[in-house]
Amino acid sequence: MSYVSGYVPVIPLKNSVLFPDISMPLRIGREKSISALQKALRDNHWVILLTQKNPNASVDKIEDLYQVGTLAKVESFRMEEDGSYNIFVKAHQRIRLIHSRDSEGHIEAQTEALEDTGRLDKKTEEALLSSLRQLSDDLLDLLPGNTRQIREMIAEIEDLQTLVNMCAAYADINISDKQEILEIPVLKDRALKLLDRLQELKERLKIQRGIRDKLQESFQQNQKESILREQIRVIREELGDNEGEDLFHQIQRQDRQSRYATGSPGTCQEPVAPAGNVQLGLARIPDDPHPSGADDKSSVEPVIRPAGHRP
C-alpha cells in the first residue's frame, strides 16, 4: 500500500484504539464526525482514526485527541434514518499527526507513517511469538463461552507484529494502555509491554473466576437446601415436626461430610460463606470482556482479521 499524502479527514474514537490489520464496525453520530466521513466518501474513503483523551468530553480541537493513531479505509457504510452512519473500517498503518486544520465543519490532518524501528533477530521474535501465544491461550482458558475460533486464528498467525496488533485490540485492557502500546516505535518493546499487561489481565481474570465459582457453589448449596426443606415439609406432615426436623439436619450433615471427605473437584474443603458475604468489590466482573467504542454512539466489539485478509 502506498502511503496516503495530503490532508485526510479525522474521525475521533471513544473508548477504543484501532490497530493495523484490524477491522472494526463503527457508528458515526456526531456532526463533525459525519462531516468528516462524508468528505472521505466523496474522495478516496481514507480516514484518520485518533482516540479521544477524554471519552466523556466533546472534541473541539485537535489537542483533545492523541497524536498517534491509524490510517484506515472505509470499506462499507450505511446511512440510518436519523442521519447517523454505520460503517466498517480496516486499519492499515500507524501514523503520527504532523499538521491539522478545520475544514467544512470537521478536522483534517496531515500525517506521517510510523514504521517499526530497531532490528529483531529470529530467535527473539520466535520467543516473543511463543510467549504471546501461550499467554493468550491461558487467558482464553479463563474466559466463558466458546473460544475455539479465536484459538485457531491465533495458532495460524506467524507474524509477531500481526499477533501483537490482534491481541492488543482484543484484550480487555485500559484504553490508555492500548494507546501506549500503539505509540511504542520498537516492535520488541511493544510486545513486551503487551505481555506485561496481559499477565496483569490473567491475574485479574483468575480472581474473577474464583469469585464466580464461589457464588455458583453457594447458589447450588442454597438451592439444594431449599429442595431438602420442601421435602422435609412433606415428611413432617407424615412423621411429625420434631422427627422431620431431625431428619433434615441428619441429611444435611451427611451431605457436608461426604463433600469435605472426598475433596472432589468443585467442592470446598471449608464451609462456603453465604452469597451475601462474598466481597464482590474485589474485582469487576465485566459483562463484555472486549469493550470498544467509537464516536458518540453505541460501542461495537472489534472484528479481528489476520494480515492480508479482507472482509
Protein backbone atom coordinates (compact mmCIF):
# COMPACT_ATOMS: atom_id res chain seq x y z
CA MET A 1 0.00 0.00 0.00
CA SER A 2 1.37 3.40 -0.99
CA TYR A 3 1.04 5.93 1.81
CA VAL A 4 -1.77 8.48 1.50
CA SER A 5 -0.43 12.03 1.32
CA GLY A 6 -2.18 15.36 1.84
CA TYR A 7 -4.96 16.21 4.26
CA VAL A 8 -7.23 13.36 5.36
CA PRO A 9 -10.49 13.68 7.39
CA VAL A 10 -10.17 12.84 11.10
CA ILE A 11 -12.76 10.74 12.95
CA PRO A 12 -12.39 10.66 16.77
CA LEU A 13 -12.79 7.35 18.59
CA LYS A 14 -14.37 6.93 22.02
CA ASN A 15 -13.18 4.12 24.30
CA SER A 16 -11.26 2.30 21.59
CA VAL A 17 -7.90 2.18 19.86
CA LEU A 18 -7.70 0.69 16.39
CA PHE A 19 -4.55 -1.23 15.45
CA PRO A 20 -3.23 -2.07 11.97
CA ASP A 21 -4.65 -5.21 10.35
CA ILE A 22 -7.81 -4.90 12.49
CA SER A 23 -11.27 -4.30 11.07
CA MET A 24 -13.99 -2.67 13.14
CA PRO A 25 -17.63 -1.59 12.77
CA LEU A 26 -18.25 1.97 13.95
CA ARG A 27 -21.35 4.07 14.48
CA ILE A 28 -20.87 7.70 13.47
CA GLY A 29 -23.31 10.15 15.01
CA ARG A 30 -21.66 13.45 15.92
CA GLU A 31 -21.96 16.34 13.48
CA LYS A 32 -18.21 16.82 12.96
CA SER A 33 -17.64 13.10 12.52
CA ILE A 34 -20.45 12.82 9.98
CA SER A 35 -18.95 15.75 8.07
CA ALA A 36 -15.52 14.06 8.10
CA LEU A 37 -17.00 10.75 6.92
CA GLN A 38 -18.93 12.38 4.09
CA LYS A 39 -15.76 14.12 2.92
CA ALA A 40 -13.93 10.79 2.92
CA LEU A 41 -16.73 9.11 0.98
CA ARG A 42 -16.57 11.85 -1.67
CA ASP A 43 -12.83 11.34 -2.04
CA ASN A 44 -10.99 8.02 -1.63
CA HIS A 45 -12.59 6.57 1.55
CA TRP A 46 -9.43 7.10 3.66
CA VAL A 47 -9.85 8.41 7.23
CA ILE A 48 -7.56 9.06 10.17
CA LEU A 49 -8.75 7.47 13.43
CA LEU A 50 -7.50 9.17 16.61
CA THR A 51 -8.62 8.26 20.13
CA GLN A 52 -10.04 10.92 22.43
CA LYS A 53 -8.03 11.71 25.56
CA ASN A 54 -11.28 12.20 27.47
CA PRO A 55 -14.10 9.96 26.15
CA ASN A 56 -16.71 11.92 28.10
CA ALA A 57 -15.87 15.30 26.57
CA SER A 58 -16.59 16.79 23.17
CA VAL A 59 -13.81 17.17 20.61
CA ASP A 60 -13.42 20.89 19.96
CA LYS A 61 -9.78 20.93 18.84
CA ILE A 62 -7.08 18.56 17.69
CA GLU A 63 -5.41 18.74 21.12
CA ASP A 64 -8.36 16.77 22.50
CA LEU A 65 -7.06 13.74 20.59
CA TYR A 66 -3.95 11.60 20.89
CA GLN A 67 -1.40 12.46 18.22
CA VAL A 68 -0.72 8.84 17.22
CA GLY A 69 -3.45 6.78 15.57
CA THR A 70 -4.13 4.74 12.45
CA LEU A 71 -4.85 5.38 8.82
CA ALA A 72 -7.94 3.38 7.88
CA LYS A 73 -10.18 2.83 4.89
CA VAL A 74 -13.98 2.85 4.96
CA GLU A 75 -14.88 -0.45 3.30
CA SER A 76 -18.66 -0.22 3.65
CA PHE A 77 -21.26 2.17 5.06
CA ARG A 78 -24.98 2.59 5.63
CA MET A 79 -26.83 5.78 6.43
CA GLU A 80 -29.58 5.48 9.05
CA GLU A 81 -32.91 7.32 9.17
CA ASP A 82 -31.65 9.67 11.90
CA GLY A 83 -28.73 10.79 9.74
CA SER A 84 -26.08 8.73 11.53
CA TYR A 85 -23.90 6.15 9.77
CA ASN A 86 -22.87 2.57 10.42
CA ILE A 87 -19.52 1.98 8.78
CA PHE A 88 -16.93 -0.79 8.56
CA VAL A 89 -13.28 0.26 8.52
CA LYS A 90 -9.96 -1.53 8.26
CA ALA A 91 -6.81 0.00 9.72
CA HIS A 92 -3.68 -0.16 7.57
CA GLN A 93 -0.91 1.94 9.10
CA ARG A 94 0.23 3.51 12.35
CA ILE A 95 0.52 7.28 11.87
CA ARG A 96 1.61 10.40 13.73
CA LEU A 97 -0.05 13.78 13.32
CA ILE A 98 2.04 16.46 11.61
CA HIS A 99 -0.39 19.28 10.96
CA SER A 100 -4.15 19.82 11.21
CA ARG A 101 -6.78 22.28 10.04
CA ASP A 102 -10.52 22.91 10.31
CA SER A 103 -12.29 22.26 7.03
CA GLU A 104 -16.01 22.32 6.20
CA GLY A 105 -17.12 21.53 9.75
CA HIS A 106 -14.58 18.83 10.58
CA ILE A 107 -10.87 18.32 11.28
CA GLU A 108 -8.41 17.26 8.59
CA ALA A 109 -4.80 16.31 9.19
CA GLN A 110 -1.51 15.59 7.51
CA THR A 111 0.32 12.62 8.98
CA GLU A 112 3.49 10.58 8.67
CA ALA A 113 3.71 6.81 8.65
CA LEU A 114 5.20 5.19 11.76
CA GLU A 115 7.42 2.30 10.76
CA ASP A 116 8.93 -0.11 13.24
CA THR A 117 12.42 0.81 14.42
CA GLY A 118 15.12 -1.49 15.74
CA ARG A 119 16.17 -4.89 14.42
CA LEU A 120 14.66 -8.07 15.82
CA ASP A 121 16.63 -11.30 15.44
CA LYS A 122 14.84 -14.52 14.57
CA LYS A 123 15.30 -16.22 17.95
CA THR A 124 13.93 -13.23 19.87
CA GLU A 125 10.97 -12.95 17.53
CA GLU A 126 10.16 -16.65 17.90
CA ALA A 127 10.44 -16.43 21.70
CA LEU A 128 8.09 -13.43 21.86
CA LEU A 129 5.67 -15.08 19.46
CA SER A 130 5.62 -18.27 21.55
CA SER A 131 5.15 -16.35 24.81
CA LEU A 132 2.31 -14.30 23.37
CA ARG A 133 0.56 -17.39 22.04
CA GLN A 134 0.88 -19.23 25.36
CA LEU A 135 -0.36 -16.29 27.42
CA SER A 136 -3.25 -15.74 25.02
CA ASP A 137 -4.18 -19.40 25.37
CA ASP A 138 -4.08 -19.09 29.17
CA LEU A 139 -6.39 -16.08 29.00
CA LEU A 140 -8.86 -17.88 26.76
CA ASP A 141 -8.99 -20.73 29.30
CA LEU A 142 -10.25 -18.20 31.86
CA LEU A 143 -12.97 -16.76 29.64
CA PRO A 144 -16.50 -18.19 29.50
CA GLY A 145 -18.02 -19.30 26.23
CA ASN A 146 -16.66 -20.95 23.11
CA THR A 147 -13.20 -19.61 22.23
CA ARG A 148 -12.32 -22.19 19.57
CA GLN A 149 -12.40 -19.75 16.66
CA ILE A 150 -10.07 -17.22 18.25
CA ARG A 151 -7.70 -20.01 19.34
CA GLU A 152 -7.47 -21.27 15.78
CA MET A 153 -6.85 -17.77 14.49
CA ILE A 154 -4.02 -17.18 16.98
CA ALA A 155 -2.41 -20.53 16.12
CA GLU A 156 -2.32 -19.60 12.42
CA ILE A 157 -0.55 -16.26 12.89
CA GLU A 158 3.21 -16.50 12.22
CA ASP A 159 3.99 -12.77 12.18
CA LEU A 160 4.79 -11.13 15.53
CA GLN A 161 3.53 -7.69 14.54
CA THR A 162 0.17 -9.09 13.42
CA LEU A 163 -0.25 -11.08 16.64
CA VAL A 164 0.66 -8.06 18.78
CA ASN A 165 -1.93 -5.94 16.93
CA MET A 166 -4.58 -8.62 17.27
CA CYS A 167 -4.02 -9.29 20.99
CA ALA A 168 -3.78 -5.60 21.86
CA ALA A 169 -7.07 -4.88 20.06
CA TYR A 170 -8.89 -7.87 21.55
CA ALA A 171 -7.65 -7.81 25.16
CA ASP A 172 -9.72 -6.20 27.92
CA ILE A 173 -7.07 -3.72 28.99
CA ASN A 174 -7.28 0.01 29.64
CA ILE A 175 -7.60 2.35 26.67
CA SER A 176 -4.60 4.33 27.94
CA ASP A 177 -2.53 1.12 27.93
CA LYS A 178 -3.65 0.30 24.39
CA GLN A 179 -2.73 3.80 23.26
CA GLU A 180 0.69 3.47 24.91
CA ILE A 181 1.29 0.18 23.09
CA LEU A 182 0.26 1.72 19.76
CA GLU A 183 2.73 4.58 20.21
CA ILE A 184 5.81 2.44 21.04
CA PRO A 185 8.10 2.59 17.99
CA VAL A 186 10.02 -0.67 18.58
CA LEU A 187 8.15 -3.92 17.92
CA LYS A 188 10.05 -5.82 20.63
CA ASP A 189 9.14 -3.18 23.21
CA ARG A 190 5.50 -3.22 22.09
CA ALA A 191 5.40 -6.98 22.51
CA LEU A 192 6.98 -6.84 25.97
CA LYS A 193 4.61 -4.11 27.13
CA LEU A 194 1.65 -6.12 25.83
CA LEU A 195 2.87 -9.28 27.61
CA ASP A 196 3.10 -7.31 30.84
CA ARG A 197 -0.47 -6.02 30.52
CA LEU A 198 -1.80 -9.45 29.53
CA GLN A 199 -0.19 -11.00 32.60
CA GLU A 200 -2.00 -8.44 34.77
CA LEU A 201 -5.23 -9.29 32.94
CA LYS A 202 -4.65 -13.00 33.59
CA GLU A 203 -4.32 -12.43 37.34
CA ARG A 204 -7.50 -10.32 37.34
CA LEU A 205 -9.45 -12.97 35.43
CA LYS A 206 -8.28 -15.67 37.86
CA ILE A 207 -9.68 -13.64 40.76
CA GLN A 208 -12.95 -13.07 38.90
CA ARG A 209 -13.31 -16.76 38.07
CA GLY A 210 -12.71 -17.66 41.71
CA ILE A 211 -15.49 -15.30 42.75
CA ARG A 212 -17.85 -16.72 40.13
CA ASP A 213 -17.07 -20.28 41.24
CA LYS A 214 -17.77 -19.44 44.89
CA LEU A 215 -21.01 -17.71 44.01
CA GLN A 216 -22.08 -20.65 41.87
CA GLU A 217 -21.27 -23.19 44.57
CA SER A 218 -23.06 -21.12 47.20
CA PHE A 219 -26.09 -20.85 44.95
CA GLN A 220 -26.13 -24.59 44.28
CA GLN A 221 -25.87 -25.37 48.00
CA ASN A 222 -28.68 -22.96 48.87
CA GLN A 223 -30.79 -24.47 46.11
CA LYS A 224 -30.13 -27.98 47.43
CA GLU A 225 -31.09 -26.97 50.96
CA SER A 226 -34.26 -25.35 49.65
CA ILE A 227 -35.24 -28.62 47.97
CA LEU A 228 -34.47 -30.55 51.16
CA ARG A 229 -36.61 -28.20 53.22
CA GLU A 230 -39.50 -28.69 50.84
CA GLN A 231 -39.07 -32.46 51.17
CA ILE A 232 -38.96 -32.13 54.97
CA ARG A 233 -42.18 -30.16 54.90
CA VAL A 234 -43.87 -33.13 53.26
CA ILE A 235 -42.21 -35.59 55.70
CA ARG A 236 -43.35 -33.53 58.70
CA GLU A 237 -46.92 -34.00 57.64
CA GLU A 238 -46.38 -37.75 57.91
CA LEU A 239 -43.89 -38.12 60.83
CA GLY A 240 -44.43 -35.01 62.95
CA ASP A 241 -42.45 -31.80 63.34
CA ASN A 242 -39.57 -32.99 65.57
CA GLU A 243 -38.77 -36.16 63.65
CA GLY A 244 -38.90 -34.27 60.33
CA GLU A 245 -36.51 -31.56 61.56
CA ASP A 246 -34.07 -34.17 62.93
CA LEU A 247 -34.11 -35.95 59.57
CA PHE A 248 -33.34 -32.70 57.74
CA HIS A 249 -30.27 -31.98 59.90
CA GLN A 250 -29.10 -35.58 59.55
CA ILE A 251 -29.25 -35.40 55.75
CA GLN A 252 -27.53 -32.02 55.80
CA ARG A 253 -24.64 -33.32 57.95
CA GLN A 254 -24.19 -36.39 55.76
CA ASP A 255 -24.05 -34.23 52.64
CA ARG A 256 -21.36 -31.94 54.10
CA GLN A 257 -19.29 -34.85 55.43
CA SER A 258 -19.41 -36.52 52.04
CA ARG A 259 -18.27 -33.38 50.18
CA TYR A 260 -15.44 -32.49 52.59
CA ALA A 261 -14.19 -36.07 52.90
CA THR A 262 -13.91 -36.71 49.15
CA GLY A 263 -12.50 -33.28 48.30
CA SER A 264 -13.99 -33.75 44.83
CA PRO A 265 -13.49 -31.02 42.21
CA GLY A 266 -15.91 -28.17 42.54
CA THR A 267 -16.28 -28.53 46.34
CA CYS A 268 -14.68 -26.53 49.14
CA GLN A 269 -12.71 -28.01 52.00
CA GLU A 270 -14.25 -25.44 54.31
CA PRO A 271 -17.84 -24.23 54.59
CA VAL A 272 -18.74 -21.65 51.96
CA ALA A 273 -19.92 -18.28 53.17
CA PRO A 274 -23.38 -17.20 52.11
CA ALA A 275 -23.55 -15.28 48.84
CA GLY A 276 -24.18 -12.01 50.66
CA ASN A 277 -20.76 -12.24 52.38
CA VAL A 278 -18.72 -12.53 49.18
CA GLN A 279 -16.68 -9.36 48.61
CA LEU A 280 -17.71 -8.51 45.06
CA GLY A 281 -15.74 -5.28 45.29
CA LEU A 282 -12.51 -7.24 44.92
CA ALA A 283 -12.90 -7.33 41.16
CA ARG A 284 -15.30 -6.18 38.50
CA ILE A 285 -16.84 -8.97 36.50
CA PRO A 286 -17.37 -7.35 33.08
CA ASP A 287 -20.45 -8.00 31.01
CA ASP A 288 -18.30 -7.80 27.93
CA PRO A 289 -14.55 -8.64 28.13
CA HIS A 290 -13.76 -6.96 24.89
CA PRO A 291 -15.09 -3.39 25.03
CA SER A 292 -14.51 -0.88 22.29
CA GLY A 293 -16.29 2.30 21.29
CA ALA A 294 -16.41 4.83 18.54
CA ASP A 295 -17.85 8.27 18.15
CA ASP A 296 -20.77 9.17 20.44
CA LYS A 297 -22.96 6.14 19.80
CA SER A 298 -23.02 2.57 20.98
CA SER A 299 -19.73 0.70 21.03
CA VAL A 300 -19.16 -2.44 18.99
CA GLU A 301 -16.60 -5.19 19.51
CA PRO A 302 -13.64 -5.17 17.06
CA VAL A 303 -13.55 -7.74 14.29
CA ILE A 304 -10.11 -9.25 14.20
CA ARG A 305 -8.59 -10.40 10.95
CA PRO A 306 -5.10 -11.73 10.14
CA ALA A 307 -2.90 -9.62 7.88
CA GLY A 308 -3.79 -9.87 4.23
CA HIS A 309 -7.38 -10.93 4.93
CA ARG A 310 -10.05 -8.57 3.65
CA PRO A 311 -13.65 -8.72 4.91
